[in-house]
Amino acid sequence: MSTFVERINQADLWLLDRVFQPVSDRLPEKLPSAELGMSLQLGAIVFFLAAIVILSISGYASIGDSVFNILNWVLFVAFYLAIMRMRGLVKPGQTNPLRSMLFGMRPLNVGFLIYSLWVGVTGNGALMLASLFMIVSNMIFTMGLYFVSCQPRPPARRRSQSRVELRPIMGGLRD
């Protein structure tokens, strides 16, 4: 019988291998999954900042809440920069080292996503816009983590530039 943690890890690997990896394999060659994942994470940072601004302008966040949210945003940015620096480790045709490095981070973000969905559904109408931005931010960030963790495609084979000219064999069939 497997433990709770093993079940979570199995669900994480299933989600990575059965949902995100097939999507990653079908992306255009000019857009590798690591680039898409980093773009999604940058978008999540922008949405999170928009939610902080909405809360601050509307007056729903006190000074302490604003400082806490800004510190969370700084952690988002620091995590993004760390992944950006480690992205150079991902090489086409080799195992993605970020897959194992982010092994505990992916299920944790799925948990935060579920929690933000619950808060968004049960929240009152005045905070719905900020909750919507937080939900979108968490969803985009989680998707970005999974895309960054996908295996890169092997390098494409180059085609020969020379062309072979085919000529009919003497005595063969003619058109």
N, C-alpha and C. Protein backbone atom coordinates (compact mmCIF):
# COMPACT_ATOMS: atom_id res chain seq x y z
N MET A 1 0.85 -1.18 0.00
CA MET A 1 0.00 0.00 0.00
C MET A 1 0.90 1.24 0.00
N SER A 2 0.61 2.15 -0.90
CA SER A 2 1.45 3.34 -0.99
C SER A 2 0.95 4.42 -0.05
N THR A 3 1.88 5.26 0.31
CA THR A 3 1.56 6.33 1.25
C THR A 3 0.94 7.51 0.50
N PHE A 4 0.48 8.47 1.26
CA PHE A 4 -0.15 9.67 0.70
C PHE A 4 0.83 10.44 -0.19
N VAL A 5 2.07 10.56 0.26
CA VAL A 5 3.08 11.30 -0.51
C VAL A 5 3.37 10.58 -1.83
N GLU A 6 3.44 9.25 -1.80
CA GLU A 6 3.68 8.51 -3.03
C GLU A 6 2.53 8.69 -4.01
N ARG A 7 1.31 8.74 -3.52
CA ARG A 7 0.15 8.97 -4.38
C ARG A 7 0.20 10.36 -5.01
N ILE A 8 0.60 11.35 -4.24
CA ILE A 8 0.72 12.71 -4.77
C ILE A 8 1.81 12.75 -5.84
N ASN A 9 2.93 12.09 -5.58
CA ASN A 9 4.01 12.06 -6.57
C ASN A 9 3.58 11.32 -7.84
N GLN A 10 2.82 10.23 -7.69
CA GLN A 10 2.31 9.52 -8.86
C GLN A 10 1.35 10.40 -9.67
N ALA A 11 0.50 11.15 -8.97
CA ALA A 11 -0.43 12.05 -9.65
C ALA A 11 0.34 13.17 -10.37
N ASP A 12 1.39 13.66 -9.74
CA ASP A 12 2.21 14.71 -10.35
C ASP A 12 2.87 14.20 -11.62
N LEU A 13 3.47 13.01 -11.56
CA LEU A 13 4.12 12.45 -12.73
C LEU A 13 3.11 12.10 -13.82
N TRP A 14 1.92 11.65 -13.43
CA TRP A 14 0.89 11.37 -14.41
C TRP A 14 0.49 12.65 -15.13
N LEU A 15 0.28 13.72 -14.37
CA LEU A 15 -0.09 15.01 -14.95
C LEU A 15 1.01 15.52 -15.88
N LEU A 16 2.25 15.37 -15.46
CA LEU A 16 3.38 15.82 -16.29
C LEU A 16 3.50 14.99 -17.56
N ASP A 17 3.45 13.65 -17.43
CA ASP A 17 3.69 12.77 -18.58
C ASP A 17 2.48 12.61 -19.49
N ARG A 18 1.27 12.67 -18.95
CA ARG A 18 0.08 12.38 -19.75
C ARG A 18 -0.65 13.64 -20.24
N VAL A 19 -0.42 14.78 -19.60
CA VAL A 19 -1.12 15.99 -20.00
C VAL A 19 -0.16 16.99 -20.64
N PHE A 20 0.88 17.37 -19.91
CA PHE A 20 1.75 18.44 -20.38
C PHE A 20 2.79 17.99 -21.40
N GLN A 21 3.35 16.79 -21.26
CA GLN A 21 4.36 16.33 -22.21
C GLN A 21 3.79 16.16 -23.61
N PRO A 22 2.58 15.58 -23.79
CA PRO A 22 2.03 15.51 -25.15
C PRO A 22 1.77 16.90 -25.76
N VAL A 23 1.34 17.84 -24.95
CA VAL A 23 1.15 19.21 -25.45
C VAL A 23 2.51 19.80 -25.83
N SER A 24 3.51 19.56 -25.01
CA SER A 24 4.85 20.05 -25.28
C SER A 24 5.41 19.45 -26.57
N ASP A 25 5.14 18.19 -26.81
CA ASP A 25 5.63 17.53 -28.01
C ASP A 25 4.97 18.08 -29.29
N ARG A 26 3.80 18.66 -29.14
CA ARG A 26 3.09 19.19 -30.31
C ARG A 26 3.30 20.69 -30.52
N LEU A 27 4.10 21.30 -29.69
CA LEU A 27 4.40 22.73 -29.88
C LEU A 27 5.25 22.92 -31.13
N PRO A 28 5.15 24.10 -31.75
CA PRO A 28 6.02 24.34 -32.91
C PRO A 28 7.49 24.30 -32.52
N GLU A 29 8.35 23.99 -33.50
CA GLU A 29 9.78 23.86 -33.20
C GLU A 29 10.38 25.15 -32.68
N LYS A 30 9.86 26.27 -33.12
CA LYS A 30 10.42 27.57 -32.71
C LYS A 30 10.04 27.93 -31.28
N LEU A 31 9.10 27.19 -30.69
CA LEU A 31 8.67 27.48 -29.32
C LEU A 31 8.86 26.25 -28.46
N PRO A 32 10.05 26.08 -27.86
CA PRO A 32 10.23 24.93 -26.96
C PRO A 32 9.41 25.11 -25.68
N SER A 33 9.15 24.00 -25.02
CA SER A 33 8.31 24.04 -23.82
C SER A 33 8.94 24.86 -22.70
N ALA A 34 10.27 24.90 -22.63
CA ALA A 34 10.92 25.72 -21.60
C ALA A 34 10.64 27.20 -21.82
N GLU A 35 10.65 27.64 -23.07
CA GLU A 35 10.34 29.04 -23.38
C GLU A 35 8.89 29.36 -23.04
N LEU A 36 7.98 28.45 -23.40
CA LEU A 36 6.57 28.66 -23.09
C LEU A 36 6.36 28.71 -21.58
N GLY A 37 7.02 27.81 -20.85
CA GLY A 37 6.89 27.80 -19.40
C GLY A 37 7.40 29.08 -18.76
N MET A 38 8.52 29.59 -19.25
CA MET A 38 9.06 30.84 -18.70
C MET A 38 8.15 32.02 -19.03
N SER A 39 7.55 32.02 -20.21
CA SER A 39 6.62 33.09 -20.57
C SER A 39 5.38 33.03 -19.69
N LEU A 40 4.90 31.82 -19.42
CA LEU A 40 3.74 31.68 -18.54
C LEU A 40 4.06 32.15 -17.12
N GLN A 41 5.25 31.84 -16.64
CA GLN A 41 5.62 32.29 -15.30
C GLN A 41 5.74 33.80 -15.23
N LEU A 42 6.26 34.42 -16.28
CA LEU A 42 6.33 35.88 -16.32
C LEU A 42 4.94 36.48 -16.34
N GLY A 43 4.03 35.86 -17.08
CA GLY A 43 2.64 36.31 -17.08
C GLY A 43 2.00 36.18 -15.70
N ALA A 44 2.33 35.12 -14.98
CA ALA A 44 1.80 34.93 -13.63
C ALA A 44 2.29 36.03 -12.70
N ILE A 45 3.54 36.44 -12.88
CA ILE A 45 4.10 37.53 -12.06
C ILE A 45 3.34 38.82 -12.33
N VAL A 46 3.02 39.08 -13.60
CA VAL A 46 2.28 40.30 -13.95
C VAL A 46 0.86 40.25 -13.38
N PHE A 47 0.18 39.11 -13.48
CA PHE A 47 -1.16 38.99 -12.92
C PHE A 47 -1.15 39.15 -11.40
N PHE A 48 -0.15 38.60 -10.75
CA PHE A 48 -0.06 38.73 -9.29
C PHE A 48 0.15 40.19 -8.90
N LEU A 49 0.99 40.90 -9.64
CA LEU A 49 1.20 42.32 -9.38
C LEU A 49 -0.08 43.11 -9.62
N ALA A 50 -0.85 42.74 -10.66
CA ALA A 50 -2.12 43.41 -10.92
C ALA A 50 -3.10 43.20 -9.77
N ALA A 51 -3.11 42.00 -9.20
CA ALA A 51 -3.99 41.73 -8.06
C ALA A 51 -3.58 42.57 -6.85
N ILE A 52 -2.28 42.72 -6.63
CA ILE A 52 -1.80 43.54 -5.51
C ILE A 52 -2.21 44.99 -5.72
N VAL A 53 -2.08 45.48 -6.93
CA VAL A 53 -2.46 46.87 -7.23
C VAL A 53 -3.96 47.06 -7.04
N ILE A 54 -4.76 46.10 -7.49
CA ILE A 54 -6.21 46.21 -7.32
C ILE A 54 -6.58 46.24 -5.85
N LEU A 55 -5.98 45.37 -5.05
CA LEU A 55 -6.27 45.35 -3.61
C LEU A 55 -5.84 46.65 -2.93
N SER A 56 -4.71 47.18 -3.35
CA SER A 56 -4.21 48.42 -2.72
C SER A 56 -5.06 49.62 -3.12
N ILE A 57 -5.42 49.74 -4.38
CA ILE A 57 -6.19 50.88 -4.86
C ILE A 57 -7.61 50.85 -4.31
N SER A 58 -8.20 49.67 -4.25
CA SER A 58 -9.58 49.57 -3.76
C SER A 58 -9.69 49.73 -2.25
N GLY A 59 -8.57 49.67 -1.54
CA GLY A 59 -8.59 49.86 -0.10
C GLY A 59 -8.90 48.61 0.70
N TYR A 60 -8.89 47.46 0.07
CA TYR A 60 -9.20 46.21 0.77
C TYR A 60 -7.98 45.62 1.48
N ALA A 61 -6.81 46.13 1.18
CA ALA A 61 -5.60 45.60 1.80
C ALA A 61 -5.01 46.67 2.73
N SER A 62 -4.71 46.27 3.95
CA SER A 62 -4.07 47.19 4.89
C SER A 62 -2.58 47.28 4.54
N ILE A 63 -1.86 48.11 5.29
CA ILE A 63 -0.43 48.25 5.03
C ILE A 63 0.28 46.91 5.22
N GLY A 64 -0.06 46.19 6.28
CA GLY A 64 0.56 44.89 6.54
C GLY A 64 0.26 43.88 5.44
N ASP A 65 -1.01 43.85 4.98
CA ASP A 65 -1.36 42.94 3.89
C ASP A 65 -0.62 43.30 2.61
N SER A 66 -0.49 44.58 2.33
CA SER A 66 0.22 45.01 1.12
C SER A 66 1.69 44.62 1.18
N VAL A 67 2.31 44.80 2.36
CA VAL A 67 3.71 44.42 2.50
C VAL A 67 3.86 42.91 2.32
N PHE A 68 2.96 42.14 2.91
CA PHE A 68 2.99 40.69 2.77
C PHE A 68 2.84 40.28 1.30
N ASN A 69 1.89 40.90 0.60
CA ASN A 69 1.68 40.58 -0.82
C ASN A 69 2.88 40.98 -1.67
N ILE A 70 3.49 42.11 -1.36
CA ILE A 70 4.67 42.54 -2.11
C ILE A 70 5.84 41.60 -1.86
N LEU A 71 5.99 41.12 -0.62
CA LEU A 71 7.05 40.15 -0.33
C LEU A 71 6.80 38.83 -1.07
N ASN A 72 5.53 38.42 -1.16
CA ASN A 72 5.21 37.23 -1.95
C ASN A 72 5.54 37.45 -3.42
N TRP A 73 5.26 38.64 -3.93
CA TRP A 73 5.57 38.96 -5.31
C TRP A 73 7.09 38.92 -5.54
N VAL A 74 7.86 39.44 -4.57
CA VAL A 74 9.32 39.40 -4.68
C VAL A 74 9.81 37.95 -4.71
N LEU A 75 9.17 37.07 -3.93
CA LEU A 75 9.53 35.64 -3.98
C LEU A 75 9.21 35.04 -5.34
N PHE A 76 8.07 35.44 -5.92
CA PHE A 76 7.74 35.01 -7.29
C PHE A 76 8.84 35.41 -8.26
N VAL A 77 9.26 36.66 -8.18
CA VAL A 77 10.30 37.17 -9.09
C VAL A 77 11.62 36.45 -8.86
N ALA A 78 11.98 36.22 -7.59
CA ALA A 78 13.23 35.51 -7.29
C ALA A 78 13.20 34.08 -7.82
N PHE A 79 12.07 33.41 -7.67
CA PHE A 79 11.93 32.05 -8.20
C PHE A 79 12.04 32.06 -9.72
N TYR A 80 11.40 33.03 -10.37
CA TYR A 80 11.47 33.16 -11.83
C TYR A 80 12.92 33.36 -12.28
N LEU A 81 13.65 34.24 -11.60
CA LEU A 81 15.04 34.49 -11.97
C LEU A 81 15.91 33.26 -11.76
N ALA A 82 15.64 32.50 -10.69
CA ALA A 82 16.41 31.27 -10.44
C ALA A 82 16.16 30.24 -11.53
N ILE A 83 14.91 30.07 -11.93
CA ILE A 83 14.59 29.13 -13.00
C ILE A 83 15.19 29.62 -14.32
N MET A 84 15.19 30.93 -14.52
CA MET A 84 15.77 31.49 -15.75
C MET A 84 17.26 31.17 -15.83
N ARG A 85 17.94 31.25 -14.71
CA ARG A 85 19.38 30.94 -14.69
C ARG A 85 19.63 29.45 -14.89
N MET A 86 18.75 28.60 -14.36
CA MET A 86 18.93 27.15 -14.48
C MET A 86 18.44 26.63 -15.82
N ARG A 87 17.76 27.45 -16.59
CA ARG A 87 17.22 27.01 -17.87
C ARG A 87 18.31 26.59 -18.84
N GLY A 88 19.51 27.12 -18.66
CA GLY A 88 20.62 26.73 -19.51
C GLY A 88 21.02 25.27 -19.34
N LEU A 89 20.59 24.63 -18.26
CA LEU A 89 20.88 23.22 -18.04
C LEU A 89 20.05 22.31 -18.94
N VAL A 90 18.95 22.85 -19.48
CA VAL A 90 18.06 22.06 -20.32
C VAL A 90 18.62 22.04 -21.73
N LYS A 91 19.01 20.85 -22.18
CA LYS A 91 19.60 20.67 -23.51
C LYS A 91 18.74 19.71 -24.32
N PRO A 92 18.55 20.02 -25.62
CA PRO A 92 17.75 19.11 -26.46
C PRO A 92 18.39 17.73 -26.55
N GLY A 93 17.56 16.72 -26.45
CA GLY A 93 18.04 15.34 -26.55
C GLY A 93 18.57 14.77 -25.25
N GLN A 94 18.61 15.56 -24.18
CA GLN A 94 19.09 15.07 -22.88
C GLN A 94 17.95 15.16 -21.87
N THR A 95 18.12 14.47 -20.76
CA THR A 95 17.12 14.52 -19.70
C THR A 95 17.06 15.91 -19.10
N ASN A 96 15.85 16.38 -18.85
CA ASN A 96 15.64 17.71 -18.28
C ASN A 96 15.93 17.66 -16.77
N PRO A 97 16.98 18.35 -16.30
CA PRO A 97 17.28 18.31 -14.86
C PRO A 97 16.24 19.07 -14.02
N LEU A 98 15.51 19.99 -14.64
CA LEU A 98 14.48 20.72 -13.89
C LEU A 98 13.30 19.83 -13.52
N ARG A 99 13.14 18.73 -14.24
CA ARG A 99 12.06 17.79 -13.94
C ARG A 99 12.19 17.26 -12.51
N SER A 100 13.40 16.88 -12.13
CA SER A 100 13.60 16.37 -10.78
C SER A 100 13.79 17.49 -9.77
N MET A 101 14.36 18.61 -10.19
CA MET A 101 14.56 19.73 -9.26
C MET A 101 13.23 20.33 -8.79
N LEU A 102 12.23 20.33 -9.66
CA LEU A 102 10.94 20.92 -9.33
C LEU A 102 9.92 19.87 -8.88
N PHE A 103 10.42 18.69 -8.49
CA PHE A 103 9.54 17.58 -8.13
C PHE A 103 8.61 17.92 -6.97
N GLY A 104 9.08 18.62 -5.97
CA GLY A 104 8.23 18.98 -4.84
C GLY A 104 7.46 20.26 -5.06
N MET A 105 7.93 21.09 -5.97
CA MET A 105 7.31 22.39 -6.20
C MET A 105 6.01 22.28 -6.99
N ARG A 106 5.96 21.34 -7.94
CA ARG A 106 4.77 21.21 -8.78
C ARG A 106 3.53 20.82 -7.97
N PRO A 107 3.57 19.76 -7.14
CA PRO A 107 2.37 19.43 -6.36
C PRO A 107 1.99 20.53 -5.36
N LEU A 108 3.00 21.21 -4.84
CA LEU A 108 2.72 22.31 -3.92
C LEU A 108 1.94 23.42 -4.63
N ASN A 109 2.31 23.73 -5.85
CA ASN A 109 1.60 24.75 -6.61
C ASN A 109 0.20 24.29 -7.01
N VAL A 110 0.02 23.01 -7.26
CA VAL A 110 -1.33 22.50 -7.53
C VAL A 110 -2.19 22.69 -6.29
N GLY A 111 -1.62 22.44 -5.11
CA GLY A 111 -2.36 22.68 -3.86
C GLY A 111 -2.73 24.15 -3.69
N PHE A 112 -1.80 25.05 -3.98
CA PHE A 112 -2.11 26.49 -3.90
C PHE A 112 -3.17 26.88 -4.92
N LEU A 113 -3.13 26.26 -6.09
CA LEU A 113 -4.14 26.54 -7.11
C LEU A 113 -5.53 26.11 -6.63
N ILE A 114 -5.62 24.93 -6.07
CA ILE A 114 -6.90 24.45 -5.54
C ILE A 114 -7.40 25.36 -4.42
N TYR A 115 -6.49 25.79 -3.56
CA TYR A 115 -6.87 26.70 -2.47
C TYR A 115 -7.34 28.04 -3.03
N SER A 116 -6.65 28.59 -4.02
CA SER A 116 -7.07 29.88 -4.58
C SER A 116 -8.40 29.75 -5.30
N LEU A 117 -8.67 28.59 -5.95
CA LEU A 117 -9.98 28.38 -6.54
C LEU A 117 -11.07 28.35 -5.48
N TRP A 118 -10.79 27.70 -4.36
CA TRP A 118 -11.77 27.63 -3.27
C TRP A 118 -12.03 29.01 -2.69
N VAL A 119 -10.97 29.79 -2.49
CA VAL A 119 -11.13 31.15 -1.95
C VAL A 119 -11.89 32.02 -2.95
N GLY A 120 -11.62 31.85 -4.24
CA GLY A 120 -12.31 32.63 -5.26
C GLY A 120 -13.79 32.31 -5.34
N VAL A 121 -14.15 31.05 -5.16
CA VAL A 121 -15.54 30.65 -5.23
C VAL A 121 -16.30 31.08 -3.99
N THR A 122 -15.68 31.01 -2.83
CA THR A 122 -16.37 31.33 -1.58
C THR A 122 -16.24 32.79 -1.17
N GLY A 123 -15.45 33.58 -1.92
CA GLY A 123 -15.24 34.98 -1.55
C GLY A 123 -16.46 35.83 -1.86
N ASN A 124 -16.45 37.07 -1.30
CA ASN A 124 -17.57 37.97 -1.55
C ASN A 124 -17.35 38.73 -2.86
N GLY A 125 -18.36 39.42 -3.33
CA GLY A 125 -18.33 40.08 -4.63
C GLY A 125 -17.33 41.22 -4.73
N ALA A 126 -17.05 41.90 -3.62
CA ALA A 126 -16.15 43.05 -3.68
C ALA A 126 -14.72 42.64 -4.02
N LEU A 127 -14.32 41.46 -3.61
CA LEU A 127 -12.95 41.01 -3.84
C LEU A 127 -12.84 40.05 -5.03
N MET A 128 -13.91 39.90 -5.81
CA MET A 128 -13.91 38.92 -6.89
C MET A 128 -12.87 39.24 -7.97
N LEU A 129 -12.66 40.51 -8.29
CA LEU A 129 -11.69 40.85 -9.33
C LEU A 129 -10.27 40.50 -8.89
N ALA A 130 -9.92 40.84 -7.65
CA ALA A 130 -8.60 40.49 -7.14
C ALA A 130 -8.45 38.97 -7.04
N SER A 131 -9.52 38.28 -6.62
CA SER A 131 -9.47 36.82 -6.53
C SER A 131 -9.31 36.21 -7.92
N LEU A 132 -9.97 36.79 -8.91
CA LEU A 132 -9.83 36.29 -10.27
C LEU A 132 -8.40 36.43 -10.76
N PHE A 133 -7.76 37.56 -10.48
CA PHE A 133 -6.37 37.74 -10.88
C PHE A 133 -5.46 36.77 -10.14
N MET A 134 -5.73 36.52 -8.87
CA MET A 134 -4.92 35.55 -8.12
C MET A 134 -5.10 34.13 -8.67
N ILE A 135 -6.34 33.76 -9.01
CA ILE A 135 -6.60 32.43 -9.57
C ILE A 135 -5.88 32.27 -10.90
N VAL A 136 -6.01 33.27 -11.78
CA VAL A 136 -5.34 33.20 -13.08
C VAL A 136 -3.82 33.15 -12.89
N SER A 137 -3.31 33.94 -11.95
CA SER A 137 -1.87 33.94 -11.68
C SER A 137 -1.39 32.56 -11.22
N ASN A 138 -2.10 31.96 -10.28
CA ASN A 138 -1.72 30.63 -9.79
C ASN A 138 -1.84 29.57 -10.88
N MET A 139 -2.88 29.66 -11.72
CA MET A 139 -3.07 28.68 -12.78
C MET A 139 -1.96 28.79 -13.83
N ILE A 140 -1.63 30.02 -14.21
CA ILE A 140 -0.59 30.23 -15.22
C ILE A 140 0.77 29.81 -14.67
N PHE A 141 1.04 30.12 -13.40
CA PHE A 141 2.32 29.76 -12.80
C PHE A 141 2.48 28.24 -12.73
N THR A 142 1.41 27.55 -12.35
CA THR A 142 1.46 26.09 -12.26
C THR A 142 1.68 25.47 -13.64
N MET A 143 0.97 25.97 -14.64
CA MET A 143 1.17 25.47 -16.00
C MET A 143 2.60 25.74 -16.46
N GLY A 144 3.14 26.91 -16.12
CA GLY A 144 4.51 27.23 -16.48
C GLY A 144 5.51 26.28 -15.86
N LEU A 145 5.28 25.91 -14.59
CA LEU A 145 6.18 24.94 -13.93
C LEU A 145 6.15 23.59 -14.64
N TYR A 146 4.97 23.16 -15.03
CA TYR A 146 4.88 21.87 -15.72
C TYR A 146 5.54 21.92 -17.09
N PHE A 147 5.37 23.03 -17.83
CA PHE A 147 6.00 23.13 -19.14
C PHE A 147 7.52 23.22 -19.03
N VAL A 148 8.02 23.90 -18.01
CA VAL A 148 9.47 23.97 -17.80
C VAL A 148 10.02 22.59 -17.47
N SER A 149 9.22 21.75 -16.83
CA SER A 149 9.66 20.42 -16.43
C SER A 149 9.57 19.37 -17.54
N CYS A 150 8.96 19.70 -18.66
CA CYS A 150 8.81 18.74 -19.76
C CYS A 150 10.16 18.44 -20.41
N GLN A 151 10.25 17.24 -20.97
CA GLN A 151 11.47 16.83 -21.68
C GLN A 151 11.54 17.60 -23.00
N PRO A 152 12.71 18.17 -23.31
CA PRO A 152 12.83 18.85 -24.61
C PRO A 152 12.88 17.84 -25.74
N ARG A 153 12.47 18.31 -26.91
CA ARG A 153 12.53 17.46 -28.11
C ARG A 153 13.98 17.24 -28.51
N PRO A 154 14.28 16.09 -29.11
CA PRO A 154 15.64 15.89 -29.62
C PRO A 154 15.90 16.87 -30.76
N PRO A 155 17.16 17.20 -30.99
CA PRO A 155 17.46 18.15 -32.07
C PRO A 155 16.98 17.62 -33.42
N ALA A 156 16.50 18.55 -34.24
CA ALA A 156 16.00 18.16 -35.56
C ALA A 156 17.16 17.80 -36.47
N ARG A 157 16.94 16.83 -37.31
CA ARG A 157 17.97 16.43 -38.26
C ARG A 157 17.96 17.41 -39.43
N ARG A 158 19.14 17.76 -39.87
CA ARG A 158 19.25 18.67 -41.00
C ARG A 158 19.16 17.87 -42.29
N ARG A 159 18.52 18.48 -43.27
CA ARG A 159 18.40 17.84 -44.57
C ARG A 159 19.56 18.27 -45.45
N SER A 160 19.94 17.39 -46.31
CA SER A 160 21.04 17.67 -47.21
C SER A 160 20.61 18.73 -48.23
N GLN A 161 21.50 19.63 -48.54
CA GLN A 161 21.20 20.70 -49.48
C GLN A 161 21.33 20.23 -50.92
N SER A 162 22.08 19.19 -51.16
CA SER A 162 22.26 18.73 -52.54
C SER A 162 21.03 17.92 -52.96
N ARG A 163 20.69 18.08 -54.21
CA ARG A 163 19.54 17.34 -54.74
C ARG A 163 20.04 16.25 -55.68
N VAL A 164 19.39 15.16 -55.64
CA VAL A 164 19.74 14.06 -56.51
C VAL A 164 18.82 14.12 -57.73
N GLU A 165 19.41 14.02 -58.90
CA GLU A 165 18.62 14.04 -60.11
C GLU A 165 18.42 12.60 -60.57
N LEU A 166 17.19 12.20 -60.73
CA LEU A 166 16.86 10.85 -61.17
C LEU A 166 16.68 10.84 -62.68
N ARG A 167 17.34 9.93 -63.36
CA ARG A 167 17.23 9.77 -64.81
C ARG A 167 16.72 8.37 -65.08
N PRO A 168 15.95 8.23 -66.15
CA PRO A 168 15.45 6.88 -66.46
C PRO A 168 16.60 5.98 -66.91
N ILE A 169 16.49 4.72 -66.61
CA ILE A 169 17.48 3.74 -67.01
C ILE A 169 17.23 3.40 -68.47
N MET A 170 18.31 3.27 -69.19
CA MET A 170 18.17 2.94 -70.62
C MET A 170 17.45 1.61 -70.80
N GLY A 171 16.48 1.60 -71.64
CA GLY A 171 15.76 0.39 -71.92
C GLY A 171 14.61 0.15 -70.94
N GLY A 172 14.40 1.10 -70.01
CA GLY A 172 13.33 0.95 -69.04
C GLY A 172 12.01 1.45 -69.59
N LEU A 173 11.04 1.51 -68.74
CA LEU A 173 9.72 1.98 -69.15
C LEU A 173 9.75 3.47 -69.44
N ARG A 174 9.00 3.88 -70.44
CA ARG A 174 8.92 5.29 -70.79
C ARG A 174 7.49 5.76 -70.56
N ASP A 175 7.40 7.06 -70.30
CA ASP A 175 6.06 7.65 -70.07
C ASP A 175 5.27 7.77 -71.34
